[in-house]
C-alpha cells in the first residue's frame, strides 16, 4: 500500500491544497480564504475539511493507499488547532496535524534555528529556536503598529493625503498618488475605502513606498517609522539567535516593493542573512506532511512537485 500525503496552506486571501505520493502530485485544489479570524471558525473548518476530503478522494482514485498523512498550516489557527484536527480526522482519517501557516514557511528551508519575517496586509516575525516557536508582533490590524504591514502603511499614507488636502500639513505627492489609486479625489472616496476595508487600504502601501523612494518627505517619514518597527522585531530575533541569523522573507509587500531593501539597510548591524524562497508556501506544507509519515524530501524533489502543479 502507498501513502498519501496531504498539504494545505490556508491564509487570509486564499487556500491551497495538494495530495502527493512519492511518485508525484495526485490532486490539487484552491479555494478562498480560510483564516478563522476573517471568515469565522466554523466556516474555516468547513472549507478545509471539504478541500481535504476532495483531495483524498481524488488521490485514492489514482493509487491504492490506506495511509493518509495530512498537514494543514492555517493562518489564524493558533488556539484552535485541536478543533481543526478533530474535524479533519473525522473527514479523512489518518494522521493529522494542524498548526499555524508559519510552519509551511519554515518548511521551505532546512534550518533548525532561524527567523521568518512576513510583511503582507499585516506584519509578524516568528523565531524558531531549539524546536520552540516565538512570536513578535502580528496581533492584528487593530492592535499592530506601523511595523511593515500594508494596512498600517496604506492607512498612514491615505491619512497624510487627507491632511494635506485639508491644509493641516504641507504638500505631499501622496495626494496625487491617492488620486491615482482611488481613481477620484481622496475626499470623494471615503465610502469606497470603508467598503473595501483593510485589504483595500493595504493596497495603497506600494504607492506610499514608491513616493518615499522618489523622495517625498511625508512618505519617507512614514516608511522610516515602519522600517524602524521591523528593525525592532528583528532585534528581538537577534537576542535569541545571535547576530548573523537566517531570516526567511515572505509576504506580498516585501516581495514586490523596495521595502525589503530598506529593511536590509536598517538592520545591517545585525548581519541578518535574508532568504527569499523561490517556492510557494504549499511546498513547505508538503515537507511537513511527509515528515508526519517519517519521510524526508530534498529541495529538488519539492521543486518537481511544484513544477507539476504549475503545469
Protein backbone atom coordinates (compact mmCIF):
# COMPACT_ATOMS: atom_id res chain seq x y z
CA UNK A 1 0.00 0.00 0.00
CA UNK A 2 1.16 3.54 -0.78
CA UNK A 3 0.97 6.58 1.45
CA UNK A 4 -0.99 9.70 0.57
CA UNK A 5 0.41 12.99 1.85
CA UNK A 6 -1.93 15.99 2.03
CA UNK A 7 -0.63 19.54 2.48
CA UNK A 8 -2.87 22.57 3.00
CA UNK A 9 -1.79 26.20 3.17
CA UNK A 10 -4.58 28.46 4.38
CA UNK A 11 -4.35 32.24 4.52
CA UNK A 12 -6.39 35.40 4.68
CA UNK A 13 -6.69 35.62 0.89
CA UNK A 14 -6.68 32.08 -0.47
CA UNK A 15 -6.20 28.41 0.43
CA UNK A 16 -4.14 25.82 -1.46
CA UNK A 17 -4.20 22.08 -1.03
CA UNK A 18 -2.27 19.27 -2.68
CA UNK A 19 -2.18 15.48 -2.44
CA UNK A 20 1.05 13.71 -3.32
CA UNK A 21 2.77 10.37 -3.05
CA UNK A 22 6.48 9.72 -3.56
CA UNK A 23 5.81 9.47 -7.27
CA UNK A 24 4.31 12.91 -7.80
CA UNK A 25 1.22 15.09 -7.49
CA UNK A 26 -2.10 13.26 -7.27
CA UNK A 27 -4.54 16.16 -6.81
CA UNK A 28 -4.55 19.93 -6.37
CA UNK A 29 -7.20 22.39 -5.15
CA UNK A 30 -7.52 26.13 -4.49
CA UNK A 31 -10.24 27.99 -2.64
CA UNK A 32 -10.95 31.26 -0.88
CA UNK A 33 -9.60 32.45 2.48
CA UNK A 34 -9.62 30.07 5.45
CA UNK A 35 -8.36 32.33 8.24
CA UNK A 36 -10.92 31.84 11.07
CA UNK A 37 -10.41 35.45 12.19
CA UNK A 38 -11.72 36.61 8.83
CA UNK A 39 -14.47 34.12 7.92
CA UNK A 40 -15.32 32.53 11.27
CA UNK A 41 -14.14 29.28 12.81
CA UNK A 42 -16.98 27.09 11.57
CA UNK A 43 -16.68 28.34 8.01
CA UNK A 44 -12.90 27.86 8.05
CA UNK A 45 -13.20 24.29 9.33
CA UNK A 46 -15.86 23.50 6.73
CA UNK A 47 -13.72 24.86 3.89
CA UNK A 48 -10.57 22.99 4.96
CA UNK A 49 -12.42 19.71 5.55
CA UNK A 50 -14.13 19.92 2.16
CA UNK A 51 -10.80 20.51 0.44
CA UNK A 52 -9.11 17.68 2.32
CA UNK A 53 -11.93 15.24 1.50
CA UNK A 54 -11.79 16.09 -2.19
CA UNK A 55 -8.01 15.70 -2.27
CA UNK A 56 -8.08 12.31 -0.57
CA UNK A 57 -10.93 11.07 -2.77
CA UNK A 58 -9.17 12.07 -5.99
CA UNK A 59 -5.85 10.64 -4.79
CA UNK A 60 -7.40 7.29 -3.86
CA UNK A 61 -8.97 7.08 -7.30
CA UNK A 62 -5.44 7.09 -8.73
CA UNK A 63 -3.48 4.91 -6.29
CA UNK A 64 -4.19 2.09 -3.85
CA UNK A 65 -3.40 3.65 -0.47
CA UNK A 66 -4.63 3.12 3.07
CA UNK A 67 -2.36 5.54 4.93
CA UNK A 68 -3.10 9.28 4.94
CA UNK A 69 -0.84 11.91 6.45
CA UNK A 70 -2.27 15.43 6.47
CA UNK A 71 -0.56 18.64 7.49
CA UNK A 72 -2.55 21.87 7.44
CA UNK A 73 -0.84 25.20 8.08
CA UNK A 74 -3.65 27.71 8.63
CA UNK A 75 -3.34 31.42 9.30
CA UNK A 76 -5.13 32.47 12.50
CA UNK A 77 -5.46 28.89 13.79
CA UNK A 78 -3.42 29.30 16.98
CA UNK A 79 -5.59 28.26 19.91
CA UNK A 80 -7.97 26.38 17.61
CA UNK A 81 -5.72 23.53 16.48
CA UNK A 82 -7.49 20.73 18.35
CA UNK A 83 -10.90 21.50 16.89
CA UNK A 84 -9.49 21.66 13.35
CA UNK A 85 -7.63 18.39 13.86
CA UNK A 86 -10.71 16.59 15.20
CA UNK A 87 -12.80 17.75 12.24
CA UNK A 88 -10.14 16.72 9.71
CA UNK A 89 -9.70 13.29 11.29
CA UNK A 90 -13.44 12.76 11.04
CA UNK A 91 -13.38 13.89 7.40
CA UNK A 92 -10.40 11.94 6.06
CA UNK A 93 -8.99 9.76 8.85
CA UNK A 94 -5.29 9.09 9.10
CA UNK A 95 -2.61 11.12 10.86
CA UNK A 96 -3.47 14.81 11.08
CA UNK A 97 -1.55 17.83 12.31
CA UNK A 98 -2.81 21.43 12.22
CA UNK A 99 -0.53 24.35 13.03
CA UNK A 100 0.00 27.99 12.10
CA UNK A 101 0.81 28.58 8.44
CA UNK A 102 4.22 29.81 9.57
CA UNK A 103 5.24 26.14 9.67
CA UNK A 104 4.65 25.95 5.93
CA UNK A 105 7.03 28.89 5.52
CA UNK A 106 9.69 27.33 7.76
CA UNK A 107 9.22 24.10 5.80
CA UNK A 108 10.61 25.81 2.69
CA UNK A 109 14.13 25.87 4.11
CA UNK A 110 16.08 23.30 6.06
CA UNK A 111 17.13 25.33 9.09
CA UNK A 112 16.92 24.35 12.75
CA UNK A 113 17.25 27.87 14.16
CA UNK A 114 16.08 30.83 12.11
CA UNK A 115 13.50 33.61 11.89
CA UNK A 116 10.73 34.42 9.45
CA UNK A 117 9.53 37.94 8.69
CA UNK A 118 6.16 38.31 7.00
CA UNK A 119 5.07 41.68 5.63
CA UNK A 120 1.71 41.46 3.91
CA UNK A 121 -1.52 43.11 4.96
CA UNK A 122 -0.09 42.84 8.47
CA UNK A 123 3.37 42.02 9.75
CA UNK A 124 4.82 39.46 12.13
CA UNK A 125 8.18 37.94 13.00
CA UNK A 126 8.49 34.32 14.12
CA UNK A 127 11.63 32.89 15.70
CA UNK A 128 12.31 29.15 15.68
CA UNK A 129 14.93 28.05 18.18
CA UNK A 130 15.59 24.56 19.51
CA UNK A 131 12.20 23.34 18.35
CA UNK A 132 10.27 26.14 20.03
CA UNK A 133 8.39 28.92 18.25
CA UNK A 134 8.48 32.51 19.50
CA UNK A 135 6.31 35.29 18.11
CA UNK A 136 6.96 39.04 17.85
CA UNK A 137 4.10 41.25 16.68
CA UNK A 138 1.31 40.07 14.42
CA UNK A 139 -1.54 40.93 16.77
CA UNK A 140 -3.94 42.03 14.04
CA UNK A 141 -4.57 45.30 12.25
CA UNK A 142 -6.46 46.84 15.17
CA UNK A 143 -3.52 46.36 17.56
CA UNK A 144 -0.34 46.29 15.46
CA UNK A 145 1.71 49.43 14.96
CA UNK A 146 3.32 50.63 11.76
CA UNK A 147 5.94 47.88 11.54
CA UNK A 148 5.94 46.78 7.92
CA UNK A 149 2.28 45.89 7.47
CA UNK A 150 0.46 47.01 4.34
CA UNK A 151 -2.64 48.12 6.23
CA UNK A 152 -0.69 50.35 8.61
CA UNK A 153 1.37 51.89 5.79
CA UNK A 154 -1.64 52.31 3.50
CA UNK A 155 -3.75 53.86 6.26
CA UNK A 156 -0.98 56.28 7.23
CA UNK A 157 -0.49 57.24 3.58
CA UNK A 158 -4.20 57.92 3.00
CA UNK A 159 -4.39 59.91 6.22
CA UNK A 160 -1.41 62.01 5.12
CA UNK A 161 -3.14 62.66 1.79
CA UNK A 162 -6.31 63.76 3.58
CA UNK A 163 -4.37 66.00 5.98
CA UNK A 164 -2.58 67.59 3.03
CA UNK A 165 -5.91 68.07 1.28
CA UNK A 166 -7.23 69.79 4.42
CA UNK A 167 -4.19 72.02 4.73
CA UNK A 168 -3.15 70.55 8.07
CA UNK A 169 0.25 69.58 6.64
CA UNK A 170 2.18 70.82 3.64
CA UNK A 171 2.11 69.49 0.13
CA UNK A 172 2.88 65.81 -0.41
CA UNK A 173 2.90 63.70 -3.55
CA UNK A 174 0.83 61.19 -1.58
CA UNK A 175 -2.20 63.29 -2.50
CA UNK A 176 -1.66 62.66 -6.22
CA UNK A 177 -0.78 59.03 -5.53
CA UNK A 178 -4.07 58.62 -3.65
CA UNK A 179 -5.97 60.07 -6.60
CA UNK A 180 -4.35 57.52 -8.89
CA UNK A 181 -5.11 54.62 -6.58
CA UNK A 182 -8.65 55.68 -5.68
CA UNK A 183 -9.43 56.94 -9.19
CA UNK A 184 -11.01 60.06 -7.71
CA UNK A 185 -10.28 62.83 -5.22
CA UNK A 186 -9.38 61.39 -1.86
CA UNK A 187 -12.31 63.19 -0.20
CA UNK A 188 -14.74 61.54 -2.61
CA UNK A 189 -13.52 58.02 -1.87
CA UNK A 190 -14.39 57.64 1.80
CA UNK A 191 -17.29 55.27 1.12
CA UNK A 192 -15.08 53.22 -1.21
CA UNK A 193 -12.33 52.98 1.41
CA UNK A 194 -14.70 51.85 4.17
CA UNK A 195 -16.37 49.35 1.87
CA UNK A 196 -13.02 47.93 0.76
CA UNK A 197 -11.78 47.54 4.32
CA UNK A 198 -8.31 46.53 5.40
CA UNK A 199 -7.33 44.78 2.15
CA UNK A 200 -8.24 47.81 0.05
CA UNK A 201 -6.41 50.17 2.39
CA UNK A 202 -3.35 47.89 2.37
CA UNK A 203 -3.35 48.12 -1.42
CA UNK A 204 -2.20 51.73 -1.14
CA UNK A 205 1.01 50.75 0.68
CA UNK A 206 3.10 50.17 -2.50
CA UNK A 207 2.18 53.70 -3.61
CA UNK A 208 3.48 55.09 -0.31
CA UNK A 209 6.74 53.15 -0.71
CA UNK A 210 7.09 54.38 -4.29
CA UNK A 211 6.64 58.02 -3.25
CA UNK A 212 9.17 57.52 -0.45
CA UNK A 213 11.69 56.18 -2.97
CA UNK A 214 11.07 59.25 -5.13
CA UNK A 215 11.93 61.48 -2.17
CA UNK A 216 8.59 62.77 -0.83
CA UNK A 217 9.33 63.86 2.74
CA UNK A 218 5.99 62.77 4.22
CA UNK A 219 6.12 59.35 2.59
CA UNK A 220 9.75 58.87 3.66
CA UNK A 221 8.84 59.65 7.26
CA UNK A 222 6.04 57.07 7.20
CA UNK A 223 8.25 54.37 5.72
CA UNK A 224 11.10 55.21 8.11
CA UNK A 225 8.72 54.63 11.02
CA UNK A 226 7.62 51.32 9.52
CA UNK A 227 11.18 50.15 8.91
CA UNK A 228 12.10 51.10 12.48
CA UNK A 229 9.29 48.85 13.72
CA UNK A 230 10.56 45.94 11.65
CA UNK A 231 14.09 46.59 12.91
CA UNK A 232 12.81 46.28 16.48
CA UNK A 233 11.24 42.90 15.69
CA UNK A 234 14.44 41.62 14.09
CA UNK A 235 16.44 42.87 17.08
CA UNK A 236 14.27 40.58 19.22
CA UNK A 237 15.20 37.72 16.91
CA UNK A 238 18.89 38.60 17.27
CA UNK A 239 18.58 38.41 21.05
CA UNK A 240 17.51 34.77 20.74
CA UNK A 241 19.52 33.66 17.71
CA UNK A 242 22.56 35.94 17.82
CA UNK A 243 23.77 38.31 15.12
CA UNK A 244 24.12 36.84 11.65
CA UNK A 245 20.98 34.69 11.88
CA UNK A 246 18.98 33.42 8.90
CA UNK A 247 15.64 35.12 8.23
CA UNK A 248 13.07 34.00 5.67
CA UNK A 249 11.25 36.87 3.96
CA UNK A 250 7.64 36.47 2.91
CA UNK A 251 4.52 38.48 2.17
CA UNK A 252 3.36 40.39 -0.88
CA UNK A 253 4.51 43.78 0.37
CA UNK A 254 8.09 42.73 1.00
CA UNK A 255 8.37 40.74 -2.21
CA UNK A 256 7.03 43.31 -4.65
CA UNK A 257 8.38 46.61 -3.40
CA UNK A 258 11.56 48.27 -2.23
CA UNK A 259 10.66 47.67 1.40
CA UNK A 260 12.93 44.64 1.65
CA UNK A 261 15.98 46.66 0.62
CA UNK A 262 15.12 49.37 3.16
CA UNK A 263 14.77 46.80 5.94
CA UNK A 264 18.10 45.20 4.99
CA UNK A 265 19.82 48.60 5.16
CA UNK A 266 18.26 49.44 8.54
CA UNK A 267 19.31 46.11 10.06
CA UNK A 268 22.79 45.89 8.57
CA UNK A 269 24.27 45.97 12.07
CA UNK A 270 22.55 42.66 12.85
CA UNK A 271 24.21 40.97 9.84
CA UNK A 272 20.97 39.16 9.01
CA UNK A 273 21.12 36.58 6.22
CA UNK A 274 17.83 37.25 4.43
CA UNK A 275 16.38 34.34 2.45
CA UNK A 276 13.68 34.83 -0.17
CA UNK A 277 12.24 31.39 -1.00
CA UNK A 278 11.70 30.57 -4.65
CA UNK A 279 8.92 28.10 -3.86
CA UNK A 280 5.38 28.86 -2.59
CA UNK A 281 4.38 28.03 0.98
CA UNK A 282 2.43 24.94 -0.09
CA UNK A 283 5.82 23.35 -0.83
CA UNK A 284 6.76 23.76 2.82
CA UNK A 285 3.46 22.10 3.70
CA UNK A 286 4.41 19.11 1.56
CA UNK A 287 7.64 18.73 3.51
CA UNK A 288 5.69 18.90 6.80
CA UNK A 289 3.18 16.30 5.56
CA UNK A 290 5.93 13.89 4.56
CA UNK A 291 7.61 14.39 7.93
CA UNK A 292 4.38 13.18 9.59
CA UNK A 293 4.89 9.90 7.75
CA UNK A 294 8.53 9.70 8.79
CA UNK A 295 9.87 10.68 5.37
CA UNK A 296 12.18 13.45 4.20
CA UNK A 297 12.39 15.27 0.90
CA UNK A 298 15.08 17.17 -0.98
CA UNK A 299 14.71 20.67 -2.41
CA UNK A 300 14.92 19.22 -5.92
CA UNK A 301 12.02 16.88 -5.18
CA UNK A 302 9.96 19.78 -3.78
CA UNK A 303 10.66 21.79 -6.93
CA UNK A 304 9.47 18.87 -9.05
CA UNK A 305 6.16 18.75 -7.15
CA UNK A 306 5.60 22.49 -7.62
CA UNK A 307 6.52 22.35 -11.30
CA UNK A 308 3.93 19.59 -11.68
CA UNK A 309 1.28 21.75 -10.01
CA UNK A 310 2.10 24.76 -12.19
CA UNK A 311 1.73 22.88 -15.49
